[in-house]
């Protein structure tokens, strides 16, 4: 139901039921008619427009409550279906590539399908999963990861590049500049 342009949830069984609302301090009390008279069916903290108040227990048959759903890639072409058929690593790669704004995704997907045909879907799926986890979406990253896997066998610890592990000499020598 809506009150003050804010959506508030009600328990199951109250769809299309007339309810009444009243503000009690900082809360909104929602009451409905029952066989014994009016009864409070829900109580929510007051909210502002754009911030709905939804309780998971009001949606018992809704999986995961009111949490964001992870994206699920759905193929629209045969090429997309072939890529997603590689495995879960391909799904993760596509989700992460889309989230980071990677470019030339279709050509990289086609290359992955070609590599899966040559090297086997399991190896390419593993490499795509590693690329997704490491954020590697450049043109030759998949081939590089596959080369590494074929030469070394197992994957070591995942290392994320950040400023704490830089090879740059820094700017400390500029600290005395002008003195």
N, C-alpha and C. Protein backbone atom coordinates (compact mmCIF):
# COMPACT_ATOMS: atom_id res chain seq x y z
N UNK A 1 0.84 -1.16 0.00
CA UNK A 1 0.00 0.00 0.00
C UNK A 1 0.89 1.23 0.00
N UNK A 2 0.32 2.39 -0.34
CA UNK A 2 1.07 3.64 -0.39
C UNK A 2 0.49 4.63 0.62
N UNK A 3 1.41 5.33 1.26
CA UNK A 3 1.05 6.40 2.18
C UNK A 3 2.11 7.48 2.05
N UNK A 4 1.70 8.70 1.75
CA UNK A 4 2.66 9.79 1.59
C UNK A 4 3.64 9.53 0.47
N UNK A 5 3.20 8.92 -0.63
CA UNK A 5 4.04 8.58 -1.80
C UNK A 5 5.14 7.59 -1.47
N UNK A 6 4.96 6.79 -0.42
CA UNK A 6 5.92 5.76 -0.03
C UNK A 6 5.20 4.42 -0.02
N UNK A 7 5.85 3.41 -0.55
CA UNK A 7 5.28 2.06 -0.56
C UNK A 7 5.62 1.35 0.75
N UNK A 8 4.59 0.78 1.39
CA UNK A 8 4.74 -0.01 2.61
C UNK A 8 4.14 -1.38 2.35
N UNK A 9 4.79 -2.43 2.86
CA UNK A 9 4.30 -3.79 2.63
C UNK A 9 3.25 -4.17 3.68
N UNK A 10 2.39 -5.09 3.29
CA UNK A 10 1.39 -5.65 4.21
C UNK A 10 1.53 -7.17 4.17
N UNK A 11 1.08 -7.86 5.20
CA UNK A 11 1.21 -9.32 5.22
C UNK A 11 0.40 -9.98 4.12
N UNK A 12 0.71 -11.24 3.82
CA UNK A 12 -0.05 -11.97 2.79
C UNK A 12 -1.53 -12.03 3.17
N UNK A 13 -2.37 -12.06 2.16
CA UNK A 13 -3.81 -12.16 2.38
C UNK A 13 -4.51 -10.81 2.42
N UNK A 14 -3.79 -9.74 2.20
CA UNK A 14 -4.41 -8.41 2.26
C UNK A 14 -4.38 -7.68 0.92
N UNK A 15 -4.21 -8.44 -0.16
CA UNK A 15 -4.27 -7.84 -1.48
C UNK A 15 -5.71 -7.44 -1.76
N UNK A 16 -5.90 -6.25 -2.27
CA UNK A 16 -7.23 -5.70 -2.56
C UNK A 16 -8.11 -5.57 -1.31
N UNK A 17 -7.49 -5.50 -0.14
CA UNK A 17 -8.21 -5.29 1.11
C UNK A 17 -8.13 -3.81 1.46
N UNK A 18 -9.23 -3.26 1.95
CA UNK A 18 -9.21 -1.86 2.38
C UNK A 18 -8.50 -1.79 3.73
N UNK A 19 -7.50 -0.91 3.80
CA UNK A 19 -6.75 -0.72 5.03
C UNK A 19 -6.79 0.75 5.42
N UNK A 20 -6.53 1.02 6.68
CA UNK A 20 -6.46 2.39 7.18
C UNK A 20 -5.09 2.58 7.82
N UNK A 21 -4.57 3.79 7.71
CA UNK A 21 -3.24 4.10 8.24
C UNK A 21 -3.36 5.23 9.24
N UNK A 22 -2.46 5.19 10.22
CA UNK A 22 -2.33 6.32 11.13
C UNK A 22 -0.87 6.41 11.56
N UNK A 23 -0.42 7.63 11.76
CA UNK A 23 0.94 7.87 12.20
C UNK A 23 0.96 7.83 13.71
N UNK A 24 1.85 6.99 14.25
CA UNK A 24 2.02 6.85 15.69
C UNK A 24 3.48 7.17 15.99
N UNK A 25 3.76 8.39 16.41
CA UNK A 25 5.14 8.81 16.65
C UNK A 25 5.90 8.83 15.34
N UNK A 26 6.95 8.01 15.24
CA UNK A 26 7.76 7.91 14.02
C UNK A 26 7.41 6.67 13.21
N UNK A 27 6.25 6.08 13.46
CA UNK A 27 5.86 4.85 12.78
C UNK A 27 4.52 5.02 12.11
N UNK A 28 4.28 4.16 11.11
CA UNK A 28 3.01 4.10 10.42
C UNK A 28 2.34 2.80 10.82
N UNK A 29 1.17 2.89 11.43
CA UNK A 29 0.40 1.70 11.80
C UNK A 29 -0.64 1.46 10.72
N UNK A 30 -0.73 0.23 10.24
CA UNK A 30 -1.68 -0.14 9.20
C UNK A 30 -2.68 -1.10 9.82
N UNK A 31 -3.97 -0.76 9.72
CA UNK A 31 -5.02 -1.60 10.30
C UNK A 31 -5.98 -2.02 9.20
N UNK A 32 -6.63 -3.16 9.41
CA UNK A 32 -7.61 -3.69 8.46
C UNK A 32 -8.76 -4.31 9.25
N UNK A 33 -9.88 -4.51 8.58
CA UNK A 33 -11.03 -5.16 9.19
C UNK A 33 -10.81 -6.67 9.21
N UNK A 34 -11.17 -7.28 10.33
CA UNK A 34 -11.14 -8.74 10.43
C UNK A 34 -12.50 -9.19 10.94
N UNK A 35 -12.65 -10.47 11.18
CA UNK A 35 -13.92 -11.00 11.69
C UNK A 35 -14.23 -10.45 13.08
N UNK A 36 -13.21 -10.08 13.83
CA UNK A 36 -13.41 -9.58 15.19
C UNK A 36 -13.36 -8.06 15.29
N UNK A 37 -13.21 -7.36 14.18
CA UNK A 37 -13.12 -5.90 14.18
C UNK A 37 -11.82 -5.44 13.54
N UNK A 38 -11.42 -4.20 13.81
CA UNK A 38 -10.18 -3.70 13.23
C UNK A 38 -8.99 -4.25 14.00
N UNK A 39 -7.96 -4.60 13.26
CA UNK A 39 -6.76 -5.16 13.85
C UNK A 39 -5.54 -4.59 13.12
N UNK A 40 -4.48 -4.31 13.88
CA UNK A 40 -3.24 -3.83 13.27
C UNK A 40 -2.56 -4.98 12.56
N UNK A 41 -2.29 -4.78 11.26
CA UNK A 41 -1.66 -5.85 10.48
C UNK A 41 -0.19 -5.60 10.21
N UNK A 42 0.25 -4.34 10.30
CA UNK A 42 1.66 -4.04 10.06
C UNK A 42 2.00 -2.70 10.70
N UNK A 43 3.28 -2.56 11.03
CA UNK A 43 3.81 -1.30 11.57
C UNK A 43 5.20 -1.10 10.97
N UNK A 44 5.41 0.06 10.37
CA UNK A 44 6.66 0.38 9.72
C UNK A 44 7.19 1.72 10.22
N UNK A 45 8.51 1.91 10.23
CA UNK A 45 9.05 3.26 10.45
C UNK A 45 8.63 4.16 9.29
N UNK A 46 8.34 5.40 9.56
CA UNK A 46 7.99 6.34 8.49
C UNK A 46 9.18 6.50 7.55
N UNK A 47 8.87 6.72 6.28
CA UNK A 47 9.92 6.84 5.29
C UNK A 47 9.62 8.02 4.38
N UNK A 48 10.51 8.24 3.43
CA UNK A 48 10.37 9.33 2.47
C UNK A 48 10.19 8.74 1.08
N UNK A 49 9.63 9.50 0.13
CA UNK A 49 9.46 8.98 -1.23
C UNK A 49 10.78 8.48 -1.81
N UNK A 50 10.70 7.34 -2.46
CA UNK A 50 11.89 6.73 -3.03
C UNK A 50 12.56 5.73 -2.10
N UNK A 51 12.07 5.62 -0.86
CA UNK A 51 12.62 4.68 0.12
C UNK A 51 11.50 3.80 0.67
N UNK A 52 11.11 2.77 -0.09
CA UNK A 52 10.00 1.92 0.36
C UNK A 52 10.35 1.15 1.62
N UNK A 53 9.34 0.79 2.38
CA UNK A 53 9.50 -0.03 3.59
C UNK A 53 8.85 -1.38 3.31
N UNK A 54 9.68 -2.36 3.03
CA UNK A 54 9.22 -3.69 2.67
C UNK A 54 9.83 -4.69 3.66
N UNK A 55 8.99 -5.52 4.25
CA UNK A 55 9.46 -6.57 5.16
C UNK A 55 9.46 -7.90 4.43
N UNK A 56 10.56 -8.65 4.54
CA UNK A 56 10.68 -9.94 3.85
C UNK A 56 9.58 -10.91 4.27
N UNK A 57 9.17 -10.89 5.54
CA UNK A 57 8.15 -11.83 6.00
C UNK A 57 6.78 -11.56 5.36
N UNK A 58 6.60 -10.41 4.75
CA UNK A 58 5.36 -10.13 4.05
C UNK A 58 5.33 -10.78 2.67
N UNK A 59 6.44 -11.33 2.23
CA UNK A 59 6.54 -12.00 0.93
C UNK A 59 7.17 -13.38 1.11
N UNK A 60 6.44 -14.32 1.75
CA UNK A 60 7.05 -15.62 2.06
C UNK A 60 7.38 -16.47 0.84
N UNK A 61 6.71 -16.26 -0.28
CA UNK A 61 6.96 -17.08 -1.47
C UNK A 61 7.87 -16.38 -2.47
N UNK A 62 8.43 -15.26 -2.07
CA UNK A 62 9.32 -14.50 -2.94
C UNK A 62 10.75 -14.84 -2.56
N UNK A 63 11.52 -15.49 -3.45
CA UNK A 63 12.88 -15.90 -3.07
C UNK A 63 13.79 -14.71 -2.81
N UNK A 64 14.50 -14.78 -1.71
CA UNK A 64 15.51 -13.77 -1.42
C UNK A 64 14.98 -12.47 -0.86
N UNK A 65 13.71 -12.39 -0.57
CA UNK A 65 13.17 -11.19 0.03
C UNK A 65 13.28 -10.00 -0.89
N UNK A 66 13.64 -8.86 -0.34
CA UNK A 66 13.67 -7.61 -1.10
C UNK A 66 15.10 -7.21 -1.48
N UNK A 67 15.96 -8.18 -1.66
CA UNK A 67 17.36 -7.89 -1.96
C UNK A 67 17.56 -7.82 -3.47
N UNK A 68 18.60 -7.13 -3.92
CA UNK A 68 18.85 -7.07 -5.36
C UNK A 68 19.15 -8.45 -5.91
N UNK A 69 18.67 -8.71 -7.08
CA UNK A 69 18.89 -10.00 -7.73
C UNK A 69 20.15 -9.92 -8.58
N UNK A 70 20.96 -10.99 -8.55
CA UNK A 70 22.13 -10.99 -9.43
C UNK A 70 21.67 -11.06 -10.89
N UNK A 71 22.36 -10.37 -11.77
CA UNK A 71 21.95 -10.40 -13.18
C UNK A 71 22.13 -11.80 -13.77
N UNK A 72 21.22 -12.17 -14.65
CA UNK A 72 21.29 -13.46 -15.34
C UNK A 72 21.32 -13.19 -16.83
N UNK A 73 22.45 -13.45 -17.46
CA UNK A 73 22.51 -13.22 -18.91
C UNK A 73 21.55 -14.15 -19.65
N UNK A 74 20.82 -13.58 -20.58
CA UNK A 74 19.91 -14.36 -21.42
C UNK A 74 20.32 -14.16 -22.88
N UNK A 75 20.66 -15.24 -23.55
CA UNK A 75 21.12 -15.10 -24.94
C UNK A 75 19.98 -14.69 -25.87
N UNK A 76 20.30 -13.81 -26.82
CA UNK A 76 19.33 -13.38 -27.83
C UNK A 76 19.73 -13.85 -29.22
N UNK A 77 20.98 -14.28 -29.37
CA UNK A 77 21.45 -14.78 -30.65
C UNK A 77 22.14 -16.12 -30.44
N UNK A 78 22.39 -16.82 -31.54
CA UNK A 78 23.09 -18.10 -31.44
C UNK A 78 24.51 -17.91 -30.91
N UNK A 79 25.17 -16.83 -31.31
CA UNK A 79 26.54 -16.56 -30.85
C UNK A 79 26.56 -16.36 -29.33
N UNK A 80 25.57 -15.64 -28.80
CA UNK A 80 25.50 -15.45 -27.35
C UNK A 80 25.21 -16.76 -26.64
N UNK A 81 24.33 -17.58 -27.21
CA UNK A 81 24.01 -18.89 -26.62
C UNK A 81 25.24 -19.79 -26.62
N UNK A 82 26.01 -19.76 -27.70
CA UNK A 82 27.24 -20.57 -27.78
C UNK A 82 28.23 -20.13 -26.70
N UNK A 83 28.36 -18.83 -26.51
CA UNK A 83 29.29 -18.33 -25.49
C UNK A 83 28.83 -18.75 -24.09
N UNK A 84 27.57 -18.56 -23.77
CA UNK A 84 27.08 -18.90 -22.44
C UNK A 84 27.08 -20.41 -22.19
N UNK A 85 27.07 -21.20 -23.26
CA UNK A 85 27.13 -22.66 -23.12
C UNK A 85 28.49 -23.13 -22.63
N UNK A 86 29.49 -22.27 -22.69
CA UNK A 86 30.83 -22.65 -22.20
C UNK A 86 30.78 -23.00 -20.72
N UNK A 87 30.01 -22.24 -19.93
CA UNK A 87 29.88 -22.57 -18.51
C UNK A 87 29.68 -21.35 -17.63
N UNK A 88 29.79 -21.58 -16.32
CA UNK A 88 29.56 -20.53 -15.33
C UNK A 88 30.60 -19.41 -15.42
N UNK A 89 31.83 -19.76 -15.79
CA UNK A 89 32.86 -18.74 -15.96
C UNK A 89 32.48 -17.75 -17.04
N UNK A 90 31.84 -18.25 -18.11
CA UNK A 90 31.39 -17.37 -19.19
C UNK A 90 30.29 -16.44 -18.69
N UNK A 91 29.38 -16.97 -17.88
CA UNK A 91 28.32 -16.13 -17.29
C UNK A 91 28.94 -15.02 -16.45
N UNK A 92 29.86 -15.39 -15.58
CA UNK A 92 30.50 -14.40 -14.70
C UNK A 92 31.28 -13.37 -15.51
N UNK A 93 31.99 -13.83 -16.53
CA UNK A 93 32.76 -12.92 -17.36
C UNK A 93 31.85 -11.89 -18.01
N UNK A 94 30.74 -12.34 -18.56
CA UNK A 94 29.83 -11.43 -19.24
C UNK A 94 29.21 -10.42 -18.27
N UNK A 95 28.84 -10.87 -17.09
CA UNK A 95 28.27 -9.97 -16.08
C UNK A 95 29.29 -8.91 -15.67
N UNK A 96 30.50 -9.34 -15.37
CA UNK A 96 31.55 -8.41 -14.93
C UNK A 96 31.98 -7.48 -16.07
N UNK A 97 32.07 -8.01 -17.28
CA UNK A 97 32.45 -7.17 -18.42
C UNK A 97 31.41 -6.08 -18.64
N UNK A 98 30.16 -6.43 -18.54
CA UNK A 98 29.10 -5.43 -18.70
C UNK A 98 29.14 -4.40 -17.58
N UNK A 99 29.42 -4.85 -16.36
CA UNK A 99 29.45 -3.93 -15.22
C UNK A 99 30.60 -2.94 -15.30
N UNK A 100 31.71 -3.36 -15.89
CA UNK A 100 32.86 -2.46 -15.98
C UNK A 100 32.88 -1.64 -17.26
N UNK A 101 31.97 -1.93 -18.18
CA UNK A 101 31.93 -1.17 -19.43
C UNK A 101 32.99 -1.60 -20.42
N UNK A 102 33.33 -2.88 -20.43
CA UNK A 102 34.33 -3.38 -21.37
C UNK A 102 33.86 -3.15 -22.81
N UNK A 103 34.81 -2.96 -23.69
CA UNK A 103 34.50 -2.72 -25.09
C UNK A 103 34.74 -3.98 -25.92
N UNK A 104 34.16 -4.00 -27.11
CA UNK A 104 34.31 -5.11 -28.06
C UNK A 104 33.97 -6.46 -27.43
N UNK A 105 32.90 -6.51 -26.66
CA UNK A 105 32.52 -7.71 -25.94
C UNK A 105 32.15 -8.84 -26.90
N UNK A 106 31.43 -8.52 -27.98
CA UNK A 106 30.99 -9.57 -28.92
C UNK A 106 32.18 -10.26 -29.58
N UNK A 107 33.19 -9.50 -29.96
CA UNK A 107 34.34 -10.13 -30.61
C UNK A 107 35.11 -10.99 -29.60
N UNK A 108 35.17 -10.56 -28.36
CA UNK A 108 35.85 -11.35 -27.33
C UNK A 108 35.07 -12.61 -27.01
N UNK A 109 33.73 -12.52 -27.05
CA UNK A 109 32.91 -13.71 -26.85
C UNK A 109 33.13 -14.70 -27.98
N UNK A 110 33.19 -14.21 -29.22
CA UNK A 110 33.42 -15.09 -30.37
C UNK A 110 34.78 -15.77 -30.27
N UNK A 111 35.79 -15.02 -29.84
CA UNK A 111 37.14 -15.59 -29.67
C UNK A 111 37.11 -16.68 -28.60
N UNK A 112 36.37 -16.46 -27.52
CA UNK A 112 36.27 -17.47 -26.45
C UNK A 112 35.60 -18.74 -26.97
N UNK A 113 34.59 -18.60 -27.81
CA UNK A 113 33.93 -19.78 -28.39
C UNK A 113 34.91 -20.54 -29.28
N UNK A 114 35.70 -19.80 -30.07
CA UNK A 114 36.72 -20.45 -30.92
C UNK A 114 37.73 -21.21 -30.06
N UNK A 115 38.20 -20.56 -29.00
CA UNK A 115 39.18 -21.22 -28.12
C UNK A 115 38.58 -22.43 -27.42
N UNK A 116 37.30 -22.35 -27.05
CA UNK A 116 36.63 -23.48 -26.40
C UNK A 116 36.53 -24.67 -27.36
N UNK A 117 36.35 -24.39 -28.64
CA UNK A 117 36.29 -25.45 -29.64
C UNK A 117 37.65 -26.13 -29.79
N UNK A 118 38.70 -25.35 -29.70
CA UNK A 118 40.06 -25.88 -29.90
C UNK A 118 40.59 -26.53 -28.62
N UNK A 119 40.49 -25.82 -27.49
CA UNK A 119 41.13 -26.25 -26.25
C UNK A 119 40.20 -27.00 -25.29
N UNK A 120 38.91 -26.91 -25.52
CA UNK A 120 37.95 -27.54 -24.62
C UNK A 120 37.25 -26.49 -23.77
N UNK A 121 35.98 -26.71 -23.56
CA UNK A 121 35.15 -25.72 -22.83
C UNK A 121 35.58 -25.59 -21.38
N UNK A 122 36.03 -26.67 -20.75
CA UNK A 122 36.38 -26.61 -19.32
C UNK A 122 37.55 -25.64 -19.08
N UNK A 123 38.58 -25.72 -19.92
CA UNK A 123 39.74 -24.83 -19.75
C UNK A 123 39.36 -23.36 -19.99
N UNK A 124 38.60 -23.13 -21.05
CA UNK A 124 38.21 -21.76 -21.36
C UNK A 124 37.26 -21.22 -20.30
N UNK A 125 36.38 -22.08 -19.79
CA UNK A 125 35.47 -21.66 -18.72
C UNK A 125 36.25 -21.25 -17.48
N UNK A 126 37.26 -22.02 -17.12
CA UNK A 126 38.10 -21.67 -15.97
C UNK A 126 38.81 -20.34 -16.21
N UNK A 127 39.35 -20.16 -17.42
CA UNK A 127 40.05 -18.91 -17.73
C UNK A 127 39.10 -17.72 -17.72
N UNK A 128 37.89 -17.89 -18.22
CA UNK A 128 36.91 -16.81 -18.20
C UNK A 128 36.52 -16.45 -16.77
N UNK A 129 36.38 -17.46 -15.91
CA UNK A 129 36.08 -17.20 -14.50
C UNK A 129 37.19 -16.43 -13.82
N UNK A 130 38.44 -16.79 -14.12
CA UNK A 130 39.58 -16.07 -13.56
C UNK A 130 39.65 -14.64 -14.08
N UNK A 131 39.38 -14.47 -15.37
CA UNK A 131 39.39 -13.13 -15.95
C UNK A 131 38.31 -12.25 -15.31
N UNK A 132 37.15 -12.83 -15.07
CA UNK A 132 36.07 -12.07 -14.42
C UNK A 132 36.46 -11.67 -13.01
N UNK A 133 37.05 -12.60 -12.27
CA UNK A 133 37.43 -12.32 -10.88
C UNK A 133 38.53 -11.27 -10.80
N UNK A 134 39.44 -11.29 -11.77
CA UNK A 134 40.57 -10.35 -11.76
C UNK A 134 40.26 -9.05 -12.49
N UNK A 135 39.11 -8.97 -13.15
CA UNK A 135 38.78 -7.76 -13.89
C UNK A 135 39.60 -7.59 -15.15
N UNK A 136 39.92 -8.70 -15.81
CA UNK A 136 40.75 -8.67 -17.02
C UNK A 136 39.86 -8.84 -18.25
N UNK A 137 39.63 -7.75 -18.97
CA UNK A 137 38.73 -7.77 -20.11
C UNK A 137 39.37 -7.19 -21.37
N UNK A 138 40.70 -7.08 -21.39
CA UNK A 138 41.36 -6.54 -22.58
C UNK A 138 41.38 -7.59 -23.69
N UNK A 139 41.82 -7.17 -24.86
CA UNK A 139 41.75 -7.99 -26.06
C UNK A 139 42.45 -9.35 -25.92
N UNK A 140 43.64 -9.36 -25.34
CA UNK A 140 44.42 -10.60 -25.30
C UNK A 140 44.49 -11.22 -23.91
N UNK A 141 43.67 -10.76 -22.99
CA UNK A 141 43.72 -11.28 -21.61
C UNK A 141 43.34 -12.76 -21.53
N UNK A 142 42.31 -13.17 -22.25
CA UNK A 142 41.88 -14.57 -22.19
C UNK A 142 42.99 -15.48 -22.70
N UNK A 143 43.61 -15.14 -23.81
CA UNK A 143 44.72 -15.95 -24.33
C UNK A 143 45.88 -16.00 -23.36
N UNK A 144 46.18 -14.88 -22.72
CA UNK A 144 47.26 -14.83 -21.74
C UNK A 144 46.98 -15.73 -20.55
N UNK A 145 45.75 -15.71 -20.09
CA UNK A 145 45.39 -16.56 -18.94
C UNK A 145 45.45 -18.02 -19.35
N UNK A 146 44.97 -18.35 -20.55
CA UNK A 146 45.05 -19.74 -21.02
C UNK A 146 46.49 -20.19 -21.16
N UNK A 147 47.38 -19.33 -21.67
CA UNK A 147 48.81 -19.67 -21.75
C UNK A 147 49.38 -19.94 -20.37
N UNK A 148 49.02 -19.10 -19.42
CA UNK A 148 49.52 -19.27 -18.06
C UNK A 148 49.03 -20.60 -17.47
N UNK A 149 47.76 -20.91 -17.68
CA UNK A 149 47.21 -22.16 -17.15
C UNK A 149 47.86 -23.38 -17.79
N UNK A 150 48.16 -23.30 -19.09
CA UNK A 150 48.77 -24.46 -19.75
C UNK A 150 50.22 -24.65 -19.33
N UNK A 151 50.92 -23.57 -19.04
CA UNK A 151 52.32 -23.67 -18.65
C UNK A 151 52.54 -23.98 -17.18
N UNK A 152 51.66 -23.50 -16.35
CA UNK A 152 51.87 -23.64 -14.91
C UNK A 152 50.92 -24.63 -14.25
N UNK A 153 49.84 -24.99 -14.92
CA UNK A 153 48.91 -25.96 -14.34
C UNK A 153 47.88 -25.32 -13.44
N UNK A 154 48.22 -25.13 -12.19
CA UNK A 154 47.26 -24.62 -11.20
C UNK A 154 47.38 -23.11 -11.04
N UNK A 155 46.30 -22.54 -10.57
CA UNK A 155 46.25 -21.10 -10.36
C UNK A 155 46.69 -20.80 -8.94
N UNK A 156 47.52 -19.78 -8.79
CA UNK A 156 47.95 -19.35 -7.46
C UNK A 156 46.96 -18.35 -6.88
N UNK A 157 47.42 -17.59 -5.92
CA UNK A 157 46.58 -16.57 -5.32
C UNK A 157 46.28 -15.47 -6.33
N UNK A 158 45.07 -14.97 -6.27
CA UNK A 158 44.66 -13.87 -7.12
C UNK A 158 45.24 -12.58 -6.58
N UNK A 159 45.96 -11.85 -7.42
CA UNK A 159 46.58 -10.60 -7.00
C UNK A 159 45.88 -9.47 -7.72
N UNK A 160 45.30 -8.57 -6.95
CA UNK A 160 44.67 -7.38 -7.53
C UNK A 160 45.67 -6.24 -7.47
N UNK A 161 45.87 -5.60 -8.59
CA UNK A 161 46.82 -4.50 -8.67
C UNK A 161 46.19 -3.26 -8.06
N UNK A 162 46.92 -2.64 -7.14
CA UNK A 162 46.46 -1.38 -6.56
C UNK A 162 47.68 -0.51 -6.28
N UNK A 163 47.46 0.65 -5.69
CA UNK A 163 48.55 1.61 -5.50
C UNK A 163 49.55 1.19 -4.43
N UNK A 164 49.18 0.26 -3.55
CA UNK A 164 50.11 -0.17 -2.51
C UNK A 164 51.21 -1.08 -3.07
N UNK A 165 51.00 -1.64 -4.26
CA UNK A 165 51.99 -2.51 -4.88
C UNK A 165 52.46 -1.89 -6.19
N UNK A 166 52.96 -0.69 -6.14
CA UNK A 166 53.36 0.02 -7.34
C UNK A 166 54.88 -0.04 -7.51
N UNK A 167 55.31 -0.05 -8.75
CA UNK A 167 56.74 -0.01 -9.05
C UNK A 167 57.22 1.42 -9.26
N UNK A 168 56.33 2.38 -9.16
CA UNK A 168 56.68 3.78 -9.34
C UNK A 168 57.54 4.26 -8.17
N UNK A 169 58.53 5.10 -8.43
CA UNK A 169 59.42 5.55 -7.36
C UNK A 169 58.75 6.51 -6.39
N UNK A 170 57.62 7.10 -6.74
CA UNK A 170 56.94 8.00 -5.81
C UNK A 170 57.34 9.45 -6.03
N UNK A 171 56.82 10.31 -5.16
CA UNK A 171 57.06 11.75 -5.30
C UNK A 171 57.77 12.32 -4.08
N UNK A 172 58.34 11.49 -3.22
CA UNK A 172 58.99 11.98 -2.01
C UNK A 172 60.16 12.90 -2.32
N UNK A 173 60.87 12.64 -3.41
CA UNK A 173 62.01 13.49 -3.74
C UNK A 173 61.58 14.91 -4.11
N UNK A 174 60.37 15.12 -4.49
CA UNK A 174 59.86 16.45 -4.79
C UNK A 174 59.53 17.23 -3.53
N UNK A 175 59.55 16.60 -2.38
CA UNK A 175 59.21 17.25 -1.13
C UNK A 175 60.14 18.40 -0.78
N UNK A 176 61.39 18.32 -1.22
CA UNK A 176 62.38 19.38 -0.92
C UNK A 176 62.44 20.45 -2.02
N UNK A 177 61.64 20.29 -3.04
CA UNK A 177 61.65 21.21 -4.17
C UNK A 177 61.28 22.63 -3.71
N UNK A 178 62.11 23.59 -4.05
CA UNK A 178 61.86 24.98 -3.70
C UNK A 178 62.38 25.38 -2.34
N UNK A 179 63.09 24.50 -1.65
CA UNK A 179 63.59 24.85 -0.31
C UNK A 179 65.03 25.29 -0.36
